[in-house]
């Protein structure tokens, strides 16, 4: 509730403190900030530490946390993925190794006009930072990109994030219609992409295409559940409006959240 860390993993706090020569309370303060997004003023009263000190502690320890928790974000072997495959995937989509999607977080409007343009999201109608995320069908986060300006397209973020380099040859991934024209990026490793059939003006979809669209949409909900968990960290809510002072740590904050999610209960209760 307060840290995003399951009770069975509380030992991790002391382990990180020992491993990186820091203090357990400082780790707790940083996790508390990411999960609850309380102001440093309120946190200074809560933890009886000056506001300026808490700000410095957060900046230092969020980097330590990101270094540690990025180890929990990885792509399991194909055998391991199939072993934990949800039943709904076993019928027709047993070869899917990951599902991809993007999410955006609103940020303060930059004062620099160029950065305003780069971060403007037509989809969200505000300035955002955008991330590409991938998870297994069972909900384990396997990849998180660094943040890009909200203006970037799904194809461009797929290419620039080097996500394809993390996939094995002959892998199968699932995506929505937004990931158009990325087949050329996938061809070098013979990677197959499954996505709903494209919709064209003045052309009705066939019965087969309608069924396929519904099935893929129902399976893609698993990555949307993962993103919903990311949103449970209040610093990463859609309209959290990240303060410009925290922008230099935003990638680390997202990494910490994703690492913590992989330690939490399974997204899919029954496999």
C-alpha atoms as a PDB file:
ATOM      1  CA  UNK A   1       0.000   0.000   0.000  1.00  0.00           C
ATOM      2  CA  UNK A   2       2.732   2.477   0.924  1.00  0.00           C
ATOM      3  CA  UNK A   3       5.838   1.164  -0.847  1.00  0.00           C
ATOM      4  CA  UNK A   4       4.619  -1.106  -3.658  1.00  0.00           C
ATOM      5  CA  UNK A   5       6.782  -3.876  -2.185  1.00  0.00           C
ATOM      6  CA  UNK A   6       5.084  -7.122  -1.078  1.00  0.00           C
ATOM      7  CA  UNK A   7       5.583  -8.067   2.574  1.00  0.00           C
ATOM      8  CA  UNK A   8       7.459 -11.233   1.600  1.00  0.00           C
ATOM      9  CA  UNK A   9      10.128  -9.033  -0.022  1.00  0.00           C
ATOM     10  CA  UNK A  10      10.662  -6.527   2.775  1.00  0.00           C
ATOM     11  CA  UNK A  11      14.111  -8.055   3.274  1.00  0.00           C
ATOM     12  CA  UNK A  12      15.075  -6.410  -0.025  1.00  0.00           C
ATOM     13  CA  UNK A  13      15.205  -3.006   1.704  1.00  0.00           C
ATOM     14  CA  UNK A  14      17.959  -4.087   4.102  1.00  0.00           C
ATOM     15  CA  UNK A  15      19.728  -5.960   1.310  1.00  0.00           C
ATOM     16  CA  UNK A  16      19.854  -2.858  -0.927  1.00  0.00           C
ATOM     17  CA  UNK A  17      21.013  -0.710   1.995  1.00  0.00           C
ATOM     18  CA  UNK A  18      23.870  -3.127   2.698  1.00  0.00           C
ATOM     19  CA  UNK A  19      24.735  -3.722  -0.951  1.00  0.00           C
ATOM     20  CA  UNK A  20      24.892  -0.037  -1.903  1.00  0.00           C
ATOM     21  CA  UNK A  21      26.104   1.434   1.399  1.00  0.00           C
ATOM     22  CA  UNK A  22      23.005   3.474   2.108  1.00  0.00           C
ATOM     23  CA  UNK A  23      20.418   3.555   4.905  1.00  0.00           C
ATOM     24  CA  UNK A  24      17.238   1.472   4.954  1.00  0.00           C
ATOM     25  CA  UNK A  25      15.083   4.445   5.987  1.00  0.00           C
ATOM     26  CA  UNK A  26      16.323   6.389   2.959  1.00  0.00           C
ATOM     27  CA  UNK A  27      15.280   3.496   0.698  1.00  0.00           C
ATOM     28  CA  UNK A  28      11.846   3.486   2.343  1.00  0.00           C
ATOM     29  CA  UNK A  29      11.506   7.259   1.834  1.00  0.00           C
ATOM     30  CA  UNK A  30      12.282   6.938  -1.877  1.00  0.00           C
ATOM     31  CA  UNK A  31       9.837   4.047  -2.376  1.00  0.00           C
ATOM     32  CA  UNK A  32       7.198   5.958  -0.422  1.00  0.00           C
ATOM     33  CA  UNK A  33       7.613   8.987  -2.697  1.00  0.00           C
ATOM     34  CA  UNK A  34       7.280   6.927  -5.890  1.00  0.00           C
ATOM     35  CA  UNK A  35       4.201   5.066  -4.625  1.00  0.00           C
ATOM     36  CA  UNK A  36       2.328   7.970  -3.027  1.00  0.00           C
ATOM     37  CA  UNK A  37       3.802  11.101  -4.631  1.00  0.00           C
ATOM     38  CA  UNK A  38       3.466  13.047  -1.379  1.00  0.00           C
ATOM     39  CA  UNK A  39       5.093  16.471  -1.358  1.00  0.00           C
ATOM     40  CA  UNK A  40       8.531  16.740   0.211  1.00  0.00           C
ATOM     41  CA  UNK A  41       7.051  19.230   2.699  1.00  0.00           C
ATOM     42  CA  UNK A  42       4.543  16.672   3.983  1.00  0.00           C
ATOM     43  CA  UNK A  43       7.154  13.905   3.941  1.00  0.00           C
ATOM     44  CA  UNK A  44       9.539  16.032   5.984  1.00  0.00           C
ATOM     45  CA  UNK A  45       6.905  16.174   8.737  1.00  0.00           C
ATOM     46  CA  UNK A  46       6.113  12.470   8.396  1.00  0.00           C
ATOM     47  CA  UNK A  47       9.735  11.318   8.638  1.00  0.00           C
ATOM     48  CA  UNK A  48      11.014  14.258  10.742  1.00  0.00           C
ATOM     49  CA  UNK A  49      13.705  15.143   8.217  1.00  0.00           C
ATOM     50  CA  UNK A  50      14.133  18.554   6.597  1.00  0.00           C
ATOM     51  CA  UNK A  51      12.566  19.078   3.171  1.00  0.00           C
ATOM     52  CA  UNK A  52      15.907  19.805   1.483  1.00  0.00           C
ATOM     53  CA  UNK A  53      17.454  16.649   2.951  1.00  0.00           C
ATOM     54  CA  UNK A  54      14.560  14.466   1.778  1.00  0.00           C
ATOM     55  CA  UNK A  55      14.873  15.935  -1.714  1.00  0.00           C
ATOM     56  CA  UNK A  56      18.587  15.061  -1.792  1.00  0.00           C
ATOM     57  CA  UNK A  57      17.964  11.581  -0.393  1.00  0.00           C
ATOM     58  CA  UNK A  58      15.336  10.860  -3.031  1.00  0.00           C
ATOM     59  CA  UNK A  59      17.612  11.945  -5.894  1.00  0.00           C
ATOM     60  CA  UNK A  60      20.450   9.744  -4.637  1.00  0.00           C
ATOM     61  CA  UNK A  61      18.470   6.634  -3.705  1.00  0.00           C
ATOM     62  CA  UNK A  62      16.149   6.505  -6.719  1.00  0.00           C
ATOM     63  CA  UNK A  63      19.263   5.882  -8.842  1.00  0.00           C
ATOM     64  CA  UNK A  64      20.304   3.056  -6.512  1.00  0.00           C
ATOM     65  CA  UNK A  65      16.817   1.549  -6.616  1.00  0.00           C
ATOM     66  CA  UNK A  66      16.713   1.670 -10.430  1.00  0.00           C
ATOM     67  CA  UNK A  67      20.086  -0.099 -10.639  1.00  0.00           C
ATOM     68  CA  UNK A  68      18.792  -2.873  -8.395  1.00  0.00           C
ATOM     69  CA  UNK A  69      15.244  -3.311  -9.668  1.00  0.00           C
ATOM     70  CA  UNK A  70      16.176  -3.340 -13.347  1.00  0.00           C
ATOM     71  CA  UNK A  71      17.512  -6.860 -12.650  1.00  0.00           C
ATOM     72  CA  UNK A  72      13.914  -8.041 -12.230  1.00  0.00           C
ATOM     73  CA  UNK A  73      12.939  -6.901 -15.737  1.00  0.00           C
ATOM     74  CA  UNK A  74      13.996  -9.626 -18.165  1.00  0.00           C
ATOM     75  CA  UNK A  75      12.707 -11.937 -20.901  1.00  0.00           C
ATOM     76  CA  UNK A  76      12.405 -15.562 -19.690  1.00  0.00           C
ATOM     77  CA  UNK A  77      13.188 -18.461 -21.989  1.00  0.00           C
ATOM     78  CA  UNK A  78      10.515 -19.562 -24.439  1.00  0.00           C
ATOM     79  CA  UNK A  79      10.104 -22.786 -22.430  1.00  0.00           C
ATOM     80  CA  UNK A  80       9.516 -20.836 -19.217  1.00  0.00           C
ATOM     81  CA  UNK A  81       6.984 -18.559 -20.927  1.00  0.00           C
ATOM     82  CA  UNK A  82       5.016 -21.522 -22.298  1.00  0.00           C
ATOM     83  CA  UNK A  83       5.117 -23.200 -18.900  1.00  0.00           C
ATOM     84  CA  UNK A  84       3.285 -20.215 -17.357  1.00  0.00           C
ATOM     85  CA  UNK A  85       1.043 -19.517 -20.347  1.00  0.00           C
ATOM     86  CA  UNK A  86      -2.558 -18.588 -19.453  1.00  0.00           C
ATOM     87  CA  UNK A  87      -5.132 -21.066 -20.735  1.00  0.00           C
ATOM     88  CA  UNK A  88      -6.682 -18.578 -23.180  1.00  0.00           C
ATOM     89  CA  UNK A  89      -3.334 -18.344 -25.028  1.00  0.00           C
ATOM     90  CA  UNK A  90      -2.783 -22.104 -25.237  1.00  0.00           C
ATOM     91  CA  UNK A  91      -5.605 -22.636 -27.713  1.00  0.00           C
ATOM     92  CA  UNK A  92      -4.442 -20.522 -30.670  1.00  0.00           C
ATOM     93  CA  UNK A  93      -1.603 -18.261 -29.571  1.00  0.00           C
ATOM     94  CA  UNK A  94       0.811 -20.526 -27.684  1.00  0.00           C
ATOM     95  CA  UNK A  95       3.835 -19.084 -29.528  1.00  0.00           C
ATOM     96  CA  UNK A  96       3.327 -15.514 -28.246  1.00  0.00           C
ATOM     97  CA  UNK A  97       6.316 -14.513 -26.126  1.00  0.00           C
ATOM     98  CA  UNK A  98       5.332 -10.968 -25.268  1.00  0.00           C
ATOM     99  CA  UNK A  99       2.629  -8.336 -25.699  1.00  0.00           C
ATOM    100  CA  UNK A 100       3.661  -4.726 -26.345  1.00  0.00           C
ATOM    101  CA  UNK A 101       1.966  -1.394 -25.813  1.00  0.00           C
ATOM    102  CA  UNK A 102       2.787   2.225 -25.010  1.00  0.00           C
ATOM    103  CA  UNK A 103       1.719   4.468 -22.159  1.00  0.00           C
ATOM    104  CA  UNK A 104       2.130   8.185 -21.526  1.00  0.00           C
ATOM    105  CA  UNK A 105       2.598  10.310 -18.427  1.00  0.00           C
ATOM    106  CA  UNK A 106       1.693  13.991 -18.391  1.00  0.00           C
ATOM    107  CA  UNK A 107       4.503  16.369 -17.503  1.00  0.00           C
ATOM    108  CA  UNK A 108       4.742  20.081 -16.820  1.00  0.00           C
ATOM    109  CA  UNK A 109       4.752  22.161 -19.987  1.00  0.00           C
ATOM    110  CA  UNK A 110       8.423  22.816 -20.848  1.00  0.00           C
ATOM    111  CA  UNK A 111       9.474  26.438 -21.177  1.00  0.00           C
ATOM    112  CA  UNK A 112      11.610  25.593 -24.224  1.00  0.00           C
ATOM    113  CA  UNK A 113       9.418  25.785 -27.400  1.00  0.00           C
ATOM    114  CA  UNK A 114      11.334  22.917 -29.056  1.00  0.00           C
ATOM    115  CA  UNK A 115      10.784  20.647 -26.048  1.00  0.00           C
ATOM    116  CA  UNK A 116       7.141  21.731 -25.998  1.00  0.00           C
ATOM    117  CA  UNK A 117       6.794  20.468 -29.554  1.00  0.00           C
ATOM    118  CA  UNK A 118       8.696  17.229 -28.915  1.00  0.00           C
ATOM    119  CA  UNK A 119       6.606  16.311 -25.861  1.00  0.00           C
ATOM    120  CA  UNK A 120       3.204  17.362 -27.195  1.00  0.00           C
ATOM    121  CA  UNK A 121       0.921  14.352 -27.493  1.00  0.00           C
ATOM    122  CA  UNK A 122      -1.869  14.665 -30.032  1.00  0.00           C
ATOM    123  CA  UNK A 123      -3.522  11.635 -28.438  1.00  0.00           C
ATOM    124  CA  UNK A 124      -3.502  13.026 -24.875  1.00  0.00           C
ATOM    125  CA  UNK A 125      -3.741  16.729 -25.822  1.00  0.00           C
ATOM    126  CA  UNK A 126      -0.997  17.654 -23.349  1.00  0.00           C
ATOM    127  CA  UNK A 127       2.764  17.393 -22.914  1.00  0.00           C
ATOM    128  CA  UNK A 128       3.794  13.840 -22.072  1.00  0.00           C
ATOM    129  CA  UNK A 129       6.676  11.405 -21.851  1.00  0.00           C
ATOM    130  CA  UNK A 130       5.998   8.108 -23.633  1.00  0.00           C
ATOM    131  CA  UNK A 131       7.203   4.572 -22.858  1.00  0.00           C
ATOM    132  CA  UNK A 132       7.155   1.257 -24.705  1.00  0.00           C
ATOM    133  CA  UNK A 133       6.424  -1.672 -22.398  1.00  0.00           C
ATOM    134  CA  UNK A 134       6.393  -5.415 -23.047  1.00  0.00           C
ATOM    135  CA  UNK A 135       5.145  -8.273 -20.885  1.00  0.00           C
ATOM    136  CA  UNK A 136       4.708 -12.021 -21.192  1.00  0.00           C
ATOM    137  CA  UNK A 137       1.158 -13.390 -21.613  1.00  0.00           C
ATOM    138  CA  UNK A 138       1.244 -14.138 -17.858  1.00  0.00           C
ATOM    139  CA  UNK A 139       2.007 -10.490 -17.056  1.00  0.00           C
ATOM    140  CA  UNK A 140       5.754 -10.473 -16.291  1.00  0.00           C
ATOM    141  CA  UNK A 141       7.290  -7.196 -17.513  1.00  0.00           C
ATOM    142  CA  UNK A 142      10.113  -8.106 -19.887  1.00  0.00           C
ATOM    143  CA  UNK A 143      11.071  -4.690 -21.259  1.00  0.00           C
ATOM    144  CA  UNK A 144      10.617  -1.011 -20.511  1.00  0.00           C
ATOM    145  CA  UNK A 145      12.078   1.649 -22.767  1.00  0.00           C
ATOM    146  CA  UNK A 146      13.502   4.956 -21.708  1.00  0.00           C
ATOM    147  CA  UNK A 147      11.118   7.887 -21.981  1.00  0.00           C
ATOM    148  CA  UNK A 148      10.561   9.720 -25.260  1.00  0.00           C
ATOM    149  CA  UNK A 149       8.638  12.874 -26.077  1.00  0.00           C
ATOM    150  CA  UNK A 150       4.891  12.237 -26.438  1.00  0.00           C
ATOM    151  CA  UNK A 151       5.058  13.204 -30.108  1.00  0.00           C
ATOM    152  CA  UNK A 152       6.938  10.029 -31.063  1.00  0.00           C
ATOM    153  CA  UNK A 153       5.037   7.372 -33.024  1.00  0.00           C
ATOM    154  CA  UNK A 154       4.703   3.741 -31.946  1.00  0.00           C
ATOM    155  CA  UNK A 155       6.888   2.660 -34.858  1.00  0.00           C
ATOM    156  CA  UNK A 156       9.639   5.153 -34.016  1.00  0.00           C
ATOM    157  CA  UNK A 157       9.719   4.239 -30.327  1.00  0.00           C
ATOM    158  CA  UNK A 158       9.919   0.542 -31.241  1.00  0.00           C
ATOM    159  CA  UNK A 159      12.946   1.263 -33.423  1.00  0.00           C
ATOM    160  CA  UNK A 160      14.764   3.775 -31.200  1.00  0.00           C
ATOM    161  CA  UNK A 161      14.292   1.847 -27.963  1.00  0.00           C
ATOM    162  CA  UNK A 162      16.183  -1.187 -29.372  1.00  0.00           C
ATOM    163  CA  UNK A 163      13.354  -3.396 -28.135  1.00  0.00           C
ATOM    164  CA  UNK A 164      13.788  -5.744 -31.100  1.00  0.00           C
ATOM    165  CA  UNK A 165      17.367  -6.486 -30.029  1.00  0.00           C
ATOM    166  CA  UNK A 166      16.029  -8.051 -26.812  1.00  0.00           C
ATOM    167  CA  UNK A 167      13.913 -10.598 -28.711  1.00  0.00           C
ATOM    168  CA  UNK A 168      15.168 -13.991 -29.877  1.00  0.00           C
ATOM    169  CA  UNK A 169      15.037 -15.037 -33.521  1.00  0.00           C
ATOM    170  CA  UNK A 170      11.625 -16.358 -34.668  1.00  0.00           C
ATOM    171  CA  UNK A 171       9.787 -14.793 -31.716  1.00  0.00           C
ATOM    172  CA  UNK A 172       6.083 -13.922 -31.894  1.00  0.00           C
ATOM    173  CA  UNK A 173       4.764 -10.698 -30.360  1.00  0.00           C
ATOM    174  CA  UNK A 174       1.263  -9.262 -29.989  1.00  0.00           C
ATOM    175  CA  UNK A 175       0.333  -5.584 -30.435  1.00  0.00           C
ATOM    176  CA  UNK A 176      -2.578  -3.305 -31.293  1.00  0.00           C
ATOM    177  CA  UNK A 177      -3.279  -1.484 -34.560  1.00  0.00           C
ATOM    178  CA  UNK A 178      -1.106   1.465 -33.515  1.00  0.00           C
ATOM    179  CA  UNK A 179       2.039  -0.490 -34.322  1.00  0.00           C
ATOM    180  CA  UNK A 180       1.757  -0.094 -38.069  1.00  0.00           C
ATOM    181  CA  UNK A 181       4.552  -0.668 -40.566  1.00  0.00           C
ATOM    182  CA  UNK A 182       6.984  -2.254 -38.117  1.00  0.00           C
ATOM    183  CA  UNK A 183       7.232  -5.506 -40.062  1.00  0.00           C
ATOM    184  CA  UNK A 184      10.368  -4.195 -41.794  1.00  0.00           C
ATOM    185  CA  UNK A 185      12.009  -3.723 -38.383  1.00  0.00           C
ATOM    186  CA  UNK A 186      11.108  -7.280 -37.382  1.00  0.00           C
ATOM    187  CA  UNK A 187      12.071  -9.039 -40.608  1.00  0.00           C
ATOM    188  CA  UNK A 188      15.823  -9.157 -39.865  1.00  0.00           C
ATOM    189  CA  UNK A 189      15.149 -11.572 -36.969  1.00  0.00           C
ATOM    190  CA  UNK A 190      12.154 -13.247 -38.574  1.00  0.00           C
ATOM    191  CA  UNK A 191       9.880 -11.995 -35.793  1.00  0.00           C
ATOM    192  CA  UNK A 192       6.145 -12.367 -36.315  1.00  0.00           C
ATOM    193  CA  UNK A 193       3.641  -9.777 -35.090  1.00  0.00           C
ATOM    194  CA  UNK A 194      -0.006 -10.487 -34.309  1.00  0.00           C
ATOM    195  CA  UNK A 195      -2.356  -7.508 -34.328  1.00  0.00           C
ATOM    196  CA  UNK A 196      -5.995  -6.843 -35.226  1.00  0.00           C
ATOM    197  CA  UNK A 197      -6.685  -6.461 -38.970  1.00  0.00           C
ATOM    198  CA  UNK A 198      -6.539  -2.854 -40.200  1.00  0.00           C
ATOM    199  CA  UNK A 199      -9.792  -0.982 -40.744  1.00  0.00           C
ATOM    200  CA  UNK A 200     -10.282   0.814 -44.058  1.00  0.00           C
ATOM    201  CA  UNK A 201     -12.817   3.504 -44.941  1.00  0.00           C
ATOM    202  CA  UNK A 202     -15.796   2.269 -46.995  1.00  0.00           C
ATOM    203  CA  UNK A 203     -14.751  -1.347 -46.535  1.00  0.00           C
ATOM    204  CA  UNK A 204     -16.521  -3.702 -44.159  1.00  0.00           C
ATOM    205  CA  UNK A 205     -14.533  -6.239 -42.184  1.00  0.00           C
ATOM    206  CA  UNK A 206     -15.132  -9.903 -42.909  1.00  0.00           C
ATOM    207  CA  UNK A 207     -16.616 -12.174 -40.244  1.00  0.00           C
ATOM    208  CA  UNK A 208     -13.205 -13.804 -39.758  1.00  0.00           C
ATOM    209  CA  UNK A 209     -11.520 -10.406 -39.266  1.00  0.00           C
ATOM    210  CA  UNK A 210     -14.158  -9.340 -36.729  1.00  0.00           C
ATOM    211  CA  UNK A 211     -13.631 -12.518 -34.701  1.00  0.00           C
ATOM    212  CA  UNK A 212      -9.839 -12.175 -34.889  1.00  0.00           C
ATOM    213  CA  UNK A 213     -10.054  -8.538 -33.741  1.00  0.00           C
ATOM    214  CA  UNK A 214     -12.164  -9.500 -30.722  1.00  0.00           C
ATOM    215  CA  UNK A 215      -9.877 -12.385 -29.756  1.00  0.00           C
ATOM    216  CA  UNK A 216      -6.648 -10.357 -29.965  1.00  0.00           C
ATOM    217  CA  UNK A 217      -8.271  -7.455 -28.113  1.00  0.00           C
ATOM    218  CA  UNK A 218      -9.336  -9.800 -25.313  1.00  0.00           C
ATOM    219  CA  UNK A 219      -5.799 -11.198 -25.025  1.00  0.00           C
ATOM    220  CA  UNK A 220      -4.108  -7.809 -25.166  1.00  0.00           C
ATOM    221  CA  UNK A 221      -5.979  -6.827 -22.009  1.00  0.00           C
ATOM    222  CA  UNK A 222      -3.156  -8.512 -20.083  1.00  0.00           C
ATOM    223  CA  UNK A 223      -0.666  -5.773 -20.979  1.00  0.00           C
ATOM    224  CA  UNK A 224      -3.306  -3.173 -20.134  1.00  0.00           C
ATOM    225  CA  UNK A 225      -3.591  -4.738 -16.680  1.00  0.00           C
ATOM    226  CA  UNK A 226       0.169  -4.382 -16.294  1.00  0.00           C
ATOM    227  CA  UNK A 227      -0.009  -0.707 -17.275  1.00  0.00           C
ATOM    228  CA  UNK A 228      -2.835  -0.279 -14.758  1.00  0.00           C
ATOM    229  CA  UNK A 229      -0.426  -1.504 -12.082  1.00  0.00           C
ATOM    230  CA  UNK A 230       2.164   1.022 -13.238  1.00  0.00           C
ATOM    231  CA  UNK A 231      -0.506   3.696 -12.731  1.00  0.00           C
ATOM    232  CA  UNK A 232      -0.924   2.582  -9.108  1.00  0.00           C
ATOM    233  CA  UNK A 233       2.371   4.369  -8.457  1.00  0.00           C
ATOM    234  CA  UNK A 234       1.032   7.888  -8.101  1.00  0.00           C
ATOM    235  CA  UNK A 235       4.099   9.547  -9.603  1.00  0.00           C
ATOM    236  CA  UNK A 236       3.211   7.694 -12.822  1.00  0.00           C
ATOM    237  CA  UNK A 237      -0.524   8.332 -13.045  1.00  0.00           C
ATOM    238  CA  UNK A 238      -1.723   9.546 -16.493  1.00  0.00           C
ATOM    239  CA  UNK A 239      -2.221  13.133 -15.302  1.00  0.00           C
ATOM    240  CA  UNK A 240       0.287  13.242 -12.456  1.00  0.00           C
ATOM    241  CA  UNK A 241       1.930  16.245 -14.213  1.00  0.00           C
ATOM    242  CA  UNK A 242       5.499  15.319 -13.302  1.00  0.00           C
ATOM    243  CA  UNK A 243       7.401  18.316 -11.932  1.00  0.00           C
ATOM    244  CA  UNK A 244      10.300  19.482 -14.100  1.00  0.00           C
ATOM    245  CA  UNK A 245      12.694  18.885 -11.172  1.00  0.00           C
ATOM    246  CA  UNK A 246      11.822  15.173 -11.256  1.00  0.00           C
ATOM    247  CA  UNK A 247      12.138  14.787 -15.015  1.00  0.00           C
ATOM    248  CA  UNK A 248      15.821  13.832 -14.743  1.00  0.00           C
ATOM    249  CA  UNK A 249      14.757  10.822 -12.638  1.00  0.00           C
ATOM    250  CA  UNK A 250      11.616   9.804 -14.527  1.00  0.00           C
ATOM    251  CA  UNK A 251      13.220   6.826 -16.346  1.00  0.00           C
ATOM    252  CA  UNK A 252      14.602   5.520 -13.047  1.00  0.00           C
ATOM    253  CA  UNK A 253      11.204   5.929 -11.360  1.00  0.00           C
ATOM    254  CA  UNK A 254       9.502   3.923 -14.125  1.00  0.00           C
ATOM    255  CA  UNK A 255      12.189   1.217 -13.888  1.00  0.00           C
ATOM    256  CA  UNK A 256      11.695   0.914 -10.120  1.00  0.00           C
ATOM    257  CA  UNK A 257       7.910   0.643 -10.536  1.00  0.00           C
ATOM    258  CA  UNK A 258       8.227  -2.082 -13.194  1.00  0.00           C
ATOM    259  CA  UNK A 259      10.717  -4.041 -11.085  1.00  0.00           C
ATOM    260  CA  UNK A 260       8.390  -3.855  -8.081  1.00  0.00           C
ATOM    261  CA  UNK A 261       5.411  -5.007 -10.177  1.00  0.00           C
ATOM    262  CA  UNK A 262       7.339  -8.158 -11.137  1.00  0.00           C
ATOM    263  CA  UNK A 263       7.627  -8.979  -7.419  1.00  0.00           C
ATOM    264  CA  UNK A 264       3.919  -8.497  -6.774  1.00  0.00           C
ATOM    265  CA  UNK A 265       1.115 -11.054  -7.159  1.00  0.00           C
ATOM    266  CA  UNK A 266       0.523 -12.408 -10.649  1.00  0.00           C
ATOM    267  CA  UNK A 267      -1.581 -10.318 -13.019  1.00  0.00           C
ATOM    268  CA  UNK A 268      -3.344 -13.473 -14.181  1.00  0.00           C
ATOM    269  CA  UNK A 269      -4.713 -15.396 -11.225  1.00  0.00           C
ATOM    270  CA  UNK A 270      -5.449 -18.629 -13.069  1.00  0.00           C
ATOM    271  CA  UNK A 271      -3.142 -20.035 -15.753  1.00  0.00           C
END
